[in-house]
Amino acid sequence: AMAAQLSAMRRRLMATEARCLSLEAEIRDEVAAEMSERLAEMEAMYRQRLDGTGTEERHHEKLALYKAHSARKAERDATSSHLQLVERVKEYERALVTAEEDHAVALCKVEAQHAAHLVDAHIDEAAELSKQQRAHEEELGRVHAAHALELARLARQ
């Protein structure tokens, strides 16, 4: 039963890890898509506002800085999310180790109880066999006595 629980916990852990990784990938894709949209909107807005080449270059530089800053922030956010997922996986692994240890302790207890039960069963069986042996010996004694009487009777005749 504990082995089945352990196996089920491992399957759930792997499914959870896969789901977390999938969610992380989806979130990264969504953030990247949103950032691309925002950057495209900002770029379009800045292009509309530009009226001269010097100003346009300055705006392009600012836009490039904003894009770089936004990309670094998105990467930090994604890394933070990934680290949180890694920590959750570590927690699951620690829980799994604890469950395995608990399982080993429970298994030792069950094995000890089983051994004690077997000893008790063997003692009971040995007592029953001794009782049967005494009954057979008594019966054999009666048969020998009857046989001796019969031999004595036959000898007198």
N, C-alpha and C. Protein backbone atom coordinates (compact mmCIF):
# COMPACT_ATOMS: atom_id res chain seq x y z
N ALA A 1 0.83 -1.18 0.00
CA ALA A 1 0.00 0.00 0.00
C ALA A 1 0.88 1.25 0.00
N MET A 2 1.94 1.23 0.82
CA MET A 2 2.83 2.39 0.88
C MET A 2 3.58 2.55 -0.45
N ALA A 3 3.94 1.41 -1.05
CA ALA A 3 4.65 1.48 -2.34
C ALA A 3 3.74 2.10 -3.40
N ALA A 4 2.46 1.73 -3.36
CA ALA A 4 1.51 2.30 -4.32
C ALA A 4 1.35 3.79 -4.08
N GLN A 5 1.29 4.20 -2.80
CA GLN A 5 1.18 5.61 -2.49
C GLN A 5 2.42 6.35 -2.95
N LEU A 6 3.57 5.76 -2.70
CA LEU A 6 4.83 6.37 -3.11
C LEU A 6 4.87 6.53 -4.62
N SER A 7 4.47 5.50 -5.32
CA SER A 7 4.45 5.55 -6.79
C SER A 7 3.47 6.62 -7.27
N ALA A 8 2.30 6.68 -6.62
CA ALA A 8 1.30 7.69 -7.00
C ALA A 8 1.85 9.09 -6.73
N MET A 9 2.55 9.27 -5.60
CA MET A 9 3.11 10.58 -5.28
C MET A 9 4.18 10.97 -6.30
N ARG A 10 4.97 9.99 -6.72
CA ARG A 10 6.00 10.28 -7.73
C ARG A 10 5.35 10.70 -9.05
N ARG A 11 4.28 9.96 -9.44
CA ARG A 11 3.60 10.33 -10.70
C ARG A 11 3.00 11.73 -10.59
N ARG A 12 2.39 12.05 -9.43
CA ARG A 12 1.81 13.37 -9.25
C ARG A 12 2.88 14.44 -9.26
N LEU A 13 4.03 14.15 -8.65
CA LEU A 13 5.14 15.10 -8.64
C LEU A 13 5.62 15.38 -10.06
N MET A 14 5.79 14.31 -10.86
CA MET A 14 6.25 14.49 -12.24
C MET A 14 5.21 15.26 -13.05
N ALA A 15 3.92 14.97 -12.85
CA ALA A 15 2.87 15.68 -13.56
C ALA A 15 2.86 17.15 -13.17
N THR A 16 3.05 17.42 -11.89
CA THR A 16 3.09 18.80 -11.40
C THR A 16 4.28 19.54 -11.98
N GLU A 17 5.43 18.87 -12.00
CA GLU A 17 6.62 19.51 -12.57
C GLU A 17 6.40 19.82 -14.05
N ALA A 18 5.83 18.89 -14.77
CA ALA A 18 5.58 19.10 -16.19
C ALA A 18 4.60 20.26 -16.38
N ARG A 19 3.55 20.28 -15.54
CA ARG A 19 2.57 21.35 -15.63
C ARG A 19 3.22 22.70 -15.32
N CYS A 20 4.08 22.74 -14.31
CA CYS A 20 4.76 23.98 -13.95
C CYS A 20 5.65 24.47 -15.09
N LEU A 21 6.40 23.55 -15.69
CA LEU A 21 7.26 23.93 -16.80
C LEU A 21 6.43 24.41 -17.98
N SER A 22 5.32 23.75 -18.24
CA SER A 22 4.44 24.16 -19.33
C SER A 22 3.87 25.55 -19.07
N LEU A 23 3.41 25.78 -17.83
CA LEU A 23 2.88 27.10 -17.47
C LEU A 23 3.96 28.17 -17.59
N GLU A 24 5.15 27.83 -17.16
CA GLU A 24 6.24 28.79 -17.25
C GLU A 24 6.49 29.17 -18.71
N ALA A 25 6.52 28.18 -19.59
CA ALA A 25 6.75 28.45 -21.01
C ALA A 25 5.62 29.30 -21.58
N GLU A 26 4.38 28.98 -21.21
CA GLU A 26 3.25 29.77 -21.70
C GLU A 26 3.34 31.22 -21.22
N ILE A 27 3.68 31.38 -19.94
CA ILE A 27 3.78 32.73 -19.38
C ILE A 27 4.89 33.51 -20.06
N ARG A 28 6.02 32.85 -20.28
CA ARG A 28 7.11 33.53 -20.98
C ARG A 28 6.68 33.97 -22.38
N ASP A 29 5.99 33.08 -23.08
CA ASP A 29 5.52 33.41 -24.43
C ASP A 29 4.53 34.58 -24.39
N GLU A 30 3.61 34.56 -23.40
CA GLU A 30 2.64 35.64 -23.29
C GLU A 30 3.33 36.97 -22.97
N VAL A 31 4.28 36.94 -22.04
CA VAL A 31 5.00 38.17 -21.67
C VAL A 31 5.77 38.69 -22.88
N ALA A 32 6.42 37.79 -23.58
CA ALA A 32 7.19 38.22 -24.76
C ALA A 32 6.26 38.83 -25.81
N ALA A 33 5.10 38.21 -26.02
CA ALA A 33 4.16 38.73 -27.01
C ALA A 33 3.63 40.10 -26.58
N GLU A 34 3.29 40.23 -25.29
CA GLU A 34 2.81 41.53 -24.80
C GLU A 34 3.88 42.61 -24.93
N MET A 35 5.09 42.26 -24.59
CA MET A 35 6.17 43.23 -24.70
C MET A 35 6.41 43.63 -26.15
N SER A 36 6.33 42.66 -27.03
CA SER A 36 6.51 42.98 -28.46
C SER A 36 5.41 43.93 -28.93
N GLU A 37 4.18 43.68 -28.49
CA GLU A 37 3.06 44.57 -28.87
C GLU A 37 3.30 45.98 -28.31
N ARG A 38 3.67 46.05 -27.03
CA ARG A 38 3.90 47.36 -26.42
C ARG A 38 5.02 48.11 -27.13
N LEU A 39 6.08 47.38 -27.41
CA LEU A 39 7.21 48.03 -28.09
C LEU A 39 6.80 48.51 -29.48
N ALA A 40 6.03 47.69 -30.18
CA ALA A 40 5.58 48.10 -31.52
C ALA A 40 4.69 49.33 -31.43
N GLU A 41 3.81 49.37 -30.41
CA GLU A 41 2.93 50.53 -30.23
C GLU A 41 3.75 51.77 -29.89
N MET A 42 4.70 51.59 -28.98
CA MET A 42 5.52 52.74 -28.60
C MET A 42 6.36 53.23 -29.77
N GLU A 43 6.88 52.30 -30.53
CA GLU A 43 7.68 52.68 -31.68
C GLU A 43 6.84 53.46 -32.68
N ALA A 44 5.61 52.98 -32.91
CA ALA A 44 4.72 53.68 -33.83
C ALA A 44 4.39 55.07 -33.30
N MET A 45 4.13 55.15 -31.99
CA MET A 45 3.80 56.44 -31.38
C MET A 45 4.98 57.41 -31.50
N TYR A 46 6.17 56.92 -31.21
CA TYR A 46 7.34 57.79 -31.31
C TYR A 46 7.59 58.23 -32.74
N ARG A 47 7.36 57.35 -33.68
CA ARG A 47 7.57 57.74 -35.09
C ARG A 47 6.60 58.83 -35.51
N GLN A 48 5.38 58.77 -34.99
CA GLN A 48 4.39 59.80 -35.32
C GLN A 48 4.79 61.14 -34.74
N ARG A 49 5.42 61.11 -33.56
CA ARG A 49 5.80 62.34 -32.89
C ARG A 49 7.06 62.99 -33.46
N LEU A 50 7.84 62.18 -34.11
CA LEU A 50 9.11 62.71 -34.61
C LEU A 50 8.88 63.72 -35.73
N ASP A 51 9.60 64.81 -35.63
CA ASP A 51 9.45 65.80 -36.71
C ASP A 51 10.79 66.13 -37.35
N GLY A 52 11.89 65.74 -36.74
CA GLY A 52 13.20 66.02 -37.32
C GLY A 52 14.12 64.82 -37.15
N THR A 53 15.19 64.80 -37.95
CA THR A 53 16.08 63.64 -37.93
C THR A 53 16.87 63.55 -36.63
N GLY A 54 17.34 64.67 -36.08
CA GLY A 54 18.08 64.65 -34.82
C GLY A 54 17.18 64.16 -33.69
N THR A 55 15.98 64.67 -33.65
CA THR A 55 15.02 64.25 -32.63
C THR A 55 14.66 62.79 -32.83
N GLU A 56 14.54 62.39 -34.08
CA GLU A 56 14.19 60.99 -34.38
C GLU A 56 15.27 60.05 -33.89
N GLU A 57 16.53 60.42 -34.09
CA GLU A 57 17.62 59.56 -33.62
C GLU A 57 17.60 59.46 -32.10
N ARG A 58 17.38 60.61 -31.44
CA ARG A 58 17.32 60.61 -29.99
C ARG A 58 16.17 59.71 -29.50
N HIS A 59 15.04 59.80 -30.17
CA HIS A 59 13.90 58.95 -29.80
C HIS A 59 14.20 57.47 -30.05
N HIS A 60 14.90 57.20 -31.14
CA HIS A 60 15.28 55.80 -31.42
C HIS A 60 16.21 55.27 -30.33
N GLU A 61 17.12 56.13 -29.87
CA GLU A 61 18.01 55.71 -28.80
C GLU A 61 17.22 55.44 -27.52
N LYS A 62 16.29 56.35 -27.20
CA LYS A 62 15.45 56.15 -26.02
C LYS A 62 14.62 54.88 -26.14
N LEU A 63 14.07 54.68 -27.34
CA LEU A 63 13.26 53.49 -27.58
C LEU A 63 14.11 52.22 -27.43
N ALA A 64 15.34 52.26 -27.94
CA ALA A 64 16.24 51.11 -27.81
C ALA A 64 16.56 50.85 -26.35
N LEU A 65 16.80 51.93 -25.58
CA LEU A 65 17.05 51.77 -24.15
C LEU A 65 15.83 51.17 -23.45
N TYR A 66 14.64 51.65 -23.79
CA TYR A 66 13.42 51.12 -23.18
C TYR A 66 13.24 49.64 -23.53
N LYS A 67 13.50 49.31 -24.79
CA LYS A 67 13.38 47.91 -25.21
C LYS A 67 14.34 47.02 -24.42
N ALA A 68 15.57 47.48 -24.27
CA ALA A 68 16.57 46.70 -23.54
C ALA A 68 16.16 46.57 -22.08
N HIS A 69 15.70 47.68 -21.49
CA HIS A 69 15.26 47.64 -20.09
C HIS A 69 14.07 46.70 -19.93
N SER A 70 13.11 46.79 -20.81
CA SER A 70 11.93 45.93 -20.73
C SER A 70 12.30 44.46 -20.90
N ALA A 71 13.20 44.19 -21.81
CA ALA A 71 13.63 42.81 -22.03
C ALA A 71 14.34 42.26 -20.78
N ARG A 72 15.21 43.09 -20.16
CA ARG A 72 15.89 42.65 -18.93
C ARG A 72 14.88 42.41 -17.81
N LYS A 73 13.91 43.30 -17.70
CA LYS A 73 12.89 43.14 -16.65
C LYS A 73 12.08 41.87 -16.89
N ALA A 74 11.67 41.62 -18.12
CA ALA A 74 10.91 40.40 -18.43
C ALA A 74 11.74 39.16 -18.12
N GLU A 75 13.03 39.23 -18.44
CA GLU A 75 13.91 38.09 -18.15
C GLU A 75 14.05 37.87 -16.65
N ARG A 76 14.19 38.97 -15.89
CA ARG A 76 14.28 38.84 -14.42
C ARG A 76 13.00 38.25 -13.86
N ASP A 77 11.86 38.72 -14.36
CA ASP A 77 10.58 38.19 -13.88
C ASP A 77 10.46 36.71 -14.20
N ALA A 78 10.85 36.33 -15.41
CA ALA A 78 10.77 34.91 -15.79
C ALA A 78 11.73 34.07 -14.95
N THR A 79 12.93 34.60 -14.69
CA THR A 79 13.90 33.88 -13.87
C THR A 79 13.38 33.71 -12.46
N SER A 80 12.77 34.76 -11.92
CA SER A 80 12.18 34.68 -10.58
C SER A 80 11.10 33.60 -10.54
N SER A 81 10.26 33.58 -11.55
CA SER A 81 9.21 32.56 -11.62
C SER A 81 9.82 31.17 -11.70
N HIS A 82 10.86 31.04 -12.50
CA HIS A 82 11.53 29.74 -12.64
C HIS A 82 12.13 29.31 -11.30
N LEU A 83 12.76 30.25 -10.60
CA LEU A 83 13.35 29.93 -9.30
C LEU A 83 12.29 29.49 -8.30
N GLN A 84 11.13 30.13 -8.36
CA GLN A 84 10.03 29.73 -7.47
C GLN A 84 9.59 28.31 -7.80
N LEU A 85 9.51 28.00 -9.07
CA LEU A 85 9.12 26.64 -9.47
C LEU A 85 10.17 25.62 -9.03
N VAL A 86 11.43 25.98 -9.17
CA VAL A 86 12.51 25.08 -8.75
C VAL A 86 12.41 24.83 -7.25
N GLU A 87 12.13 25.89 -6.48
CA GLU A 87 12.00 25.73 -5.02
C GLU A 87 10.81 24.82 -4.68
N ARG A 88 9.72 24.97 -5.41
CA ARG A 88 8.56 24.09 -5.17
C ARG A 88 8.91 22.64 -5.49
N VAL A 89 9.67 22.43 -6.55
CA VAL A 89 10.08 21.06 -6.90
C VAL A 89 10.96 20.50 -5.78
N LYS A 90 11.85 21.33 -5.25
CA LYS A 90 12.71 20.88 -4.15
C LYS A 90 11.86 20.51 -2.93
N GLU A 91 10.82 21.32 -2.67
CA GLU A 91 9.92 21.01 -1.55
C GLU A 91 9.25 19.66 -1.77
N TYR A 92 8.79 19.42 -3.00
CA TYR A 92 8.17 18.13 -3.31
C TYR A 92 9.17 16.99 -3.12
N GLU A 93 10.40 17.22 -3.55
CA GLU A 93 11.42 16.18 -3.39
C GLU A 93 11.68 15.89 -1.92
N ARG A 94 11.74 16.96 -1.09
CA ARG A 94 11.93 16.75 0.35
C ARG A 94 10.74 15.98 0.93
N ALA A 95 9.53 16.32 0.50
CA ALA A 95 8.34 15.60 0.97
C ALA A 95 8.40 14.14 0.54
N LEU A 96 8.90 13.90 -0.66
CA LEU A 96 9.01 12.53 -1.16
C LEU A 96 10.02 11.75 -0.33
N VAL A 97 11.15 12.37 0.00
CA VAL A 97 12.15 11.69 0.84
C VAL A 97 11.56 11.36 2.20
N THR A 98 10.83 12.32 2.78
CA THR A 98 10.19 12.08 4.07
C THR A 98 9.19 10.94 3.96
N ALA A 99 8.42 10.92 2.89
CA ALA A 99 7.44 9.84 2.70
C ALA A 99 8.15 8.49 2.55
N GLU A 100 9.28 8.49 1.84
CA GLU A 100 10.04 7.24 1.69
C GLU A 100 10.57 6.77 3.04
N GLU A 101 11.05 7.71 3.85
CA GLU A 101 11.54 7.34 5.19
C GLU A 101 10.40 6.80 6.05
N ASP A 102 9.26 7.49 6.01
CA ASP A 102 8.09 7.02 6.76
C ASP A 102 7.68 5.63 6.29
N HIS A 103 7.74 5.43 4.98
CA HIS A 103 7.39 4.13 4.42
C HIS A 103 8.34 3.05 4.94
N ALA A 104 9.62 3.36 4.99
CA ALA A 104 10.61 2.38 5.46
C ALA A 104 10.35 2.03 6.93
N VAL A 105 10.03 3.03 7.74
CA VAL A 105 9.73 2.78 9.16
C VAL A 105 8.48 1.92 9.28
N ALA A 106 7.45 2.27 8.53
CA ALA A 106 6.20 1.51 8.59
C ALA A 106 6.42 0.08 8.11
N LEU A 107 7.24 -0.07 7.08
CA LEU A 107 7.53 -1.41 6.56
C LEU A 107 8.26 -2.24 7.62
N CYS A 108 9.20 -1.64 8.32
CA CYS A 108 9.91 -2.36 9.39
C CYS A 108 8.93 -2.79 10.48
N LYS A 109 8.02 -1.92 10.84
CA LYS A 109 7.02 -2.26 11.86
C LYS A 109 6.15 -3.42 11.39
N VAL A 110 5.71 -3.35 10.14
CA VAL A 110 4.86 -4.42 9.60
C VAL A 110 5.62 -5.73 9.56
N GLU A 111 6.89 -5.67 9.14
CA GLU A 111 7.69 -6.89 9.10
C GLU A 111 7.88 -7.47 10.49
N ALA A 112 8.09 -6.61 11.49
CA ALA A 112 8.25 -7.09 12.87
C ALA A 112 6.95 -7.71 13.36
N GLN A 113 5.82 -7.07 13.05
CA GLN A 113 4.53 -7.63 13.45
C GLN A 113 4.28 -8.96 12.76
N HIS A 114 4.67 -9.03 11.50
CA HIS A 114 4.49 -10.27 10.74
C HIS A 114 5.34 -11.38 11.35
N ALA A 115 6.59 -11.05 11.68
CA ALA A 115 7.48 -12.05 12.28
C ALA A 115 6.92 -12.52 13.62
N ALA A 116 6.41 -11.58 14.44
CA ALA A 116 5.82 -11.94 15.73
C ALA A 116 4.60 -12.83 15.51
N HIS A 117 3.81 -12.49 14.51
CA HIS A 117 2.63 -13.30 14.20
C HIS A 117 3.04 -14.72 13.78
N LEU A 118 4.08 -14.81 12.96
CA LEU A 118 4.55 -16.13 12.53
C LEU A 118 5.05 -16.94 13.71
N VAL A 119 5.78 -16.29 14.61
CA VAL A 119 6.27 -17.00 15.80
C VAL A 119 5.09 -17.50 16.62
N ASP A 120 4.11 -16.63 16.84
CA ASP A 120 2.92 -17.04 17.60
C ASP A 120 2.21 -18.20 16.90
N ALA A 121 2.10 -18.11 15.59
CA ALA A 121 1.42 -19.17 14.83
C ALA A 121 2.20 -20.48 14.95
N HIS A 122 3.53 -20.41 14.88
CA HIS A 122 4.35 -21.63 15.00
C HIS A 122 4.26 -22.22 16.41
N ILE A 123 4.22 -21.35 17.41
CA ILE A 123 4.07 -21.83 18.79
C ILE A 123 2.73 -22.54 18.95
N ASP A 124 1.67 -21.92 18.43
CA ASP A 124 0.34 -22.53 18.51
C ASP A 124 0.33 -23.85 17.75
N GLU A 125 0.94 -23.88 16.58
CA GLU A 125 0.98 -25.09 15.77
C GLU A 125 1.78 -26.19 16.49
N ALA A 126 2.91 -25.81 17.09
CA ALA A 126 3.73 -26.78 17.82
C ALA A 126 2.95 -27.34 19.02
N ALA A 127 2.22 -26.48 19.72
CA ALA A 127 1.42 -26.94 20.85
C ALA A 127 0.35 -27.92 20.38
N GLU A 128 -0.29 -27.61 19.27
CA GLU A 128 -1.33 -28.50 18.72
C GLU A 128 -0.72 -29.83 18.31
N LEU A 129 0.46 -29.78 17.67
CA LEU A 129 1.12 -31.03 17.26
C LEU A 129 1.53 -31.86 18.48
N SER A 130 2.01 -31.18 19.54
CA SER A 130 2.35 -31.91 20.77
C SER A 130 1.12 -32.57 21.36
N LYS A 131 0.02 -31.87 21.35
CA LYS A 131 -1.23 -32.42 21.87
C LYS A 131 -1.66 -33.63 21.06
N GLN A 132 -1.55 -33.52 19.73
CA GLN A 132 -1.92 -34.65 18.86
C GLN A 132 -0.97 -35.82 19.08
N GLN A 133 0.34 -35.50 19.26
CA GLN A 133 1.31 -36.57 19.48
C GLN A 133 1.00 -37.32 20.78
N ARG A 134 0.66 -36.59 21.85
CA ARG A 134 0.31 -37.24 23.12
C ARG A 134 -0.91 -38.13 22.95
N ALA A 135 -1.89 -37.62 22.20
CA ALA A 135 -3.11 -38.42 21.97
C ALA A 135 -2.77 -39.69 21.20
N HIS A 136 -1.89 -39.57 20.19
CA HIS A 136 -1.47 -40.75 19.41
C HIS A 136 -0.69 -41.73 20.28
N GLU A 137 0.19 -41.17 21.13
CA GLU A 137 0.97 -42.04 22.02
C GLU A 137 0.05 -42.79 22.99
N GLU A 138 -0.96 -42.07 23.52
CA GLU A 138 -1.92 -42.72 24.42
C GLU A 138 -2.67 -43.82 23.68
N GLU A 139 -3.09 -43.51 22.47
CA GLU A 139 -3.81 -44.51 21.66
C GLU A 139 -2.91 -45.69 21.37
N LEU A 140 -1.62 -45.40 21.05
CA LEU A 140 -0.67 -46.46 20.78
C LEU A 140 -0.46 -47.31 22.03
N GLY A 141 -0.40 -46.66 23.22
CA GLY A 141 -0.27 -47.39 24.48
C GLY A 141 -1.45 -48.32 24.69
N ARG A 142 -2.67 -47.83 24.37
CA ARG A 142 -3.87 -48.67 24.53
C ARG A 142 -3.82 -49.84 23.55
N VAL A 143 -3.37 -49.58 22.34
CA VAL A 143 -3.29 -50.65 21.34
C VAL A 143 -2.26 -51.68 21.79
N HIS A 144 -1.10 -51.23 22.30
CA HIS A 144 -0.09 -52.17 22.79
C HIS A 144 -0.63 -53.00 23.96
N ALA A 145 -1.35 -52.34 24.86
CA ALA A 145 -1.92 -53.05 26.01
C ALA A 145 -2.92 -54.09 25.54
N ALA A 146 -3.77 -53.70 24.58
CA ALA A 146 -4.77 -54.64 24.07
C ALA A 146 -4.07 -55.78 23.35
N HIS A 147 -3.01 -55.48 22.63
CA HIS A 147 -2.26 -56.50 21.90
C HIS A 147 -1.60 -57.47 22.90
N ALA A 148 -1.02 -56.91 23.98
CA ALA A 148 -0.38 -57.77 24.99
C ALA A 148 -1.41 -58.67 25.64
N LEU A 149 -2.60 -58.12 25.92
CA LEU A 149 -3.67 -58.94 26.51
C LEU A 149 -4.07 -60.06 25.55
N GLU A 150 -4.16 -59.69 24.31
CA GLU A 150 -4.56 -60.69 23.30
C GLU A 150 -3.50 -61.76 23.19
N LEU A 151 -2.20 -61.36 23.20
CA LEU A 151 -1.12 -62.34 23.13
C LEU A 151 -1.15 -63.25 24.37
N ALA A 152 -1.39 -62.65 25.53
CA ALA A 152 -1.45 -63.44 26.77
C ALA A 152 -2.63 -64.41 26.69
N ARG A 153 -3.77 -63.98 26.20
CA ARG A 153 -4.94 -64.84 26.09
C ARG A 153 -4.66 -65.98 25.14
N LEU A 154 -3.98 -65.69 24.01
CA LEU A 154 -3.68 -66.70 23.02
C LEU A 154 -2.64 -67.71 23.58
N ALA A 155 -1.73 -67.21 24.41
CA ALA A 155 -0.72 -68.07 24.99
C ALA A 155 -1.35 -69.02 26.00
N ARG A 156 -2.41 -68.64 26.67
CA ARG A 156 -3.07 -69.48 27.65
C ARG A 156 -3.89 -70.58 26.97
N GLN A 157 -4.22 -70.40 25.84
CA GLN A 157 -5.06 -71.39 25.17
C GLN A 157 -4.29 -72.51 24.65
